[in-house]
């Protein structure tokens, strides 16, 4: 996020599974959502 100039809005959500879950905002107004899981598994 730092390299993109983003701002971390939420770092963790009270849910199961809930970590790592993040919400960040980029300078141009777009949002990035990071959800738990392994994207390399089909």
N, C-alpha and C. Protein backbone atom coordinates (compact mmCIF):
# COMPACT_ATOMS: atom_id res chain seq x y z
N UNK A 1 0.81 -1.18 0.00
CA UNK A 1 0.00 0.00 0.00
C UNK A 1 0.86 1.25 0.00
N UNK A 2 1.95 1.23 0.75
CA UNK A 2 2.80 2.41 0.85
C UNK A 2 3.37 2.81 -0.50
N UNK A 3 3.84 1.83 -1.28
CA UNK A 3 4.41 2.12 -2.59
C UNK A 3 3.38 2.71 -3.55
N UNK A 4 2.11 2.33 -3.39
CA UNK A 4 1.04 2.84 -4.24
C UNK A 4 0.46 4.14 -3.71
N UNK A 5 0.91 4.58 -2.55
CA UNK A 5 0.36 5.80 -1.95
C UNK A 5 -0.96 5.57 -1.27
N UNK A 6 -1.26 4.30 -0.96
CA UNK A 6 -2.55 3.94 -0.38
C UNK A 6 -2.64 4.23 1.10
N UNK A 7 -3.86 4.21 1.58
CA UNK A 7 -4.15 4.45 3.00
C UNK A 7 -4.93 3.26 3.52
N UNK A 8 -4.40 2.59 4.55
CA UNK A 8 -5.05 1.43 5.15
C UNK A 8 -6.23 1.90 5.98
N UNK A 9 -7.43 1.41 5.66
CA UNK A 9 -8.64 1.81 6.36
C UNK A 9 -9.04 0.81 7.44
N UNK A 10 -8.95 -0.49 7.12
CA UNK A 10 -9.33 -1.55 8.06
C UNK A 10 -8.25 -2.63 8.01
N UNK A 11 -7.79 -3.07 9.17
CA UNK A 11 -6.80 -4.14 9.24
C UNK A 11 -7.34 -5.21 10.18
N UNK A 12 -8.15 -6.09 9.66
CA UNK A 12 -8.77 -7.16 10.44
C UNK A 12 -10.26 -6.93 10.61
N UNK A 13 -11.02 -8.01 10.51
CA UNK A 13 -12.48 -7.97 10.63
C UNK A 13 -12.91 -9.05 11.61
N UNK A 14 -13.85 -8.75 12.48
CA UNK A 14 -14.32 -9.71 13.47
C UNK A 14 -15.24 -10.73 12.81
N UNK A 15 -14.65 -11.73 12.15
CA UNK A 15 -15.38 -12.81 11.51
C UNK A 15 -14.47 -14.02 11.47
N UNK A 16 -15.04 -15.17 11.20
CA UNK A 16 -14.25 -16.38 11.11
C UNK A 16 -14.31 -16.92 9.71
N UNK A 17 -13.28 -17.17 8.94
CA UNK A 17 -11.95 -16.67 9.21
C UNK A 17 -11.90 -15.19 8.89
N UNK A 18 -11.15 -14.43 9.63
CA UNK A 18 -11.16 -13.00 9.43
C UNK A 18 -9.80 -12.36 9.34
N UNK A 19 -8.75 -13.18 9.34
CA UNK A 19 -7.43 -12.56 9.23
C UNK A 19 -6.61 -13.34 8.24
N UNK A 20 -5.92 -12.77 7.32
CA UNK A 20 -5.82 -11.33 7.11
C UNK A 20 -6.95 -10.82 6.22
N UNK A 21 -7.62 -9.80 6.63
CA UNK A 21 -8.63 -9.12 5.82
C UNK A 21 -8.37 -7.63 5.96
N UNK A 22 -8.18 -6.94 4.84
CA UNK A 22 -7.86 -5.52 4.89
C UNK A 22 -8.69 -4.75 3.87
N UNK A 23 -8.85 -3.47 4.11
CA UNK A 23 -9.46 -2.55 3.17
C UNK A 23 -8.56 -1.33 3.11
N UNK A 24 -8.18 -0.95 1.90
CA UNK A 24 -7.31 0.21 1.70
C UNK A 24 -7.87 1.07 0.57
N UNK A 25 -7.53 2.35 0.60
CA UNK A 25 -7.97 3.28 -0.45
C UNK A 25 -6.74 3.85 -1.14
N UNK A 26 -6.75 3.83 -2.48
CA UNK A 26 -5.67 4.41 -3.26
C UNK A 26 -5.94 5.89 -3.49
N UNK A 27 -4.90 6.66 -3.82
CA UNK A 27 -5.07 8.10 -4.01
C UNK A 27 -6.11 8.48 -5.06
N UNK A 28 -6.33 7.62 -6.06
CA UNK A 28 -7.30 7.93 -7.12
C UNK A 28 -8.74 7.55 -6.75
N UNK A 29 -8.95 7.09 -5.49
CA UNK A 29 -10.29 6.77 -5.03
C UNK A 29 -10.67 5.30 -5.13
N UNK A 30 -9.84 4.49 -5.78
CA UNK A 30 -10.12 3.05 -5.86
C UNK A 30 -9.81 2.39 -4.53
N UNK A 31 -10.49 1.26 -4.26
CA UNK A 31 -10.30 0.52 -3.03
C UNK A 31 -9.67 -0.82 -3.33
N UNK A 32 -8.89 -1.32 -2.40
CA UNK A 32 -8.30 -2.66 -2.47
C UNK A 32 -8.82 -3.44 -1.28
N UNK A 33 -9.36 -4.62 -1.55
CA UNK A 33 -9.86 -5.51 -0.50
C UNK A 33 -8.98 -6.75 -0.49
N UNK A 34 -8.44 -7.09 0.66
CA UNK A 34 -7.65 -8.30 0.82
C UNK A 34 -8.40 -9.27 1.71
N UNK A 35 -8.67 -10.46 1.18
CA UNK A 35 -9.44 -11.47 1.92
C UNK A 35 -8.57 -12.68 2.22
N UNK A 36 -8.89 -13.43 3.28
CA UNK A 36 -8.12 -14.62 3.61
C UNK A 36 -8.30 -15.71 2.57
N UNK A 37 -7.30 -16.54 2.46
CA UNK A 37 -7.38 -17.67 1.54
C UNK A 37 -6.08 -17.85 0.78
N UNK A 38 -6.00 -18.91 0.01
CA UNK A 38 -4.82 -19.22 -0.77
C UNK A 38 -5.19 -19.16 -2.25
N UNK A 39 -4.83 -18.10 -2.95
CA UNK A 39 -5.23 -17.96 -4.35
C UNK A 39 -4.58 -18.96 -5.29
N UNK A 40 -3.55 -19.69 -4.83
CA UNK A 40 -2.89 -20.65 -5.70
C UNK A 40 -3.62 -21.99 -5.75
N UNK A 41 -4.60 -22.21 -4.88
CA UNK A 41 -5.36 -23.45 -4.90
C UNK A 41 -6.61 -23.27 -5.76
N UNK A 42 -6.91 -24.26 -6.63
CA UNK A 42 -8.10 -24.14 -7.50
C UNK A 42 -9.40 -24.21 -6.74
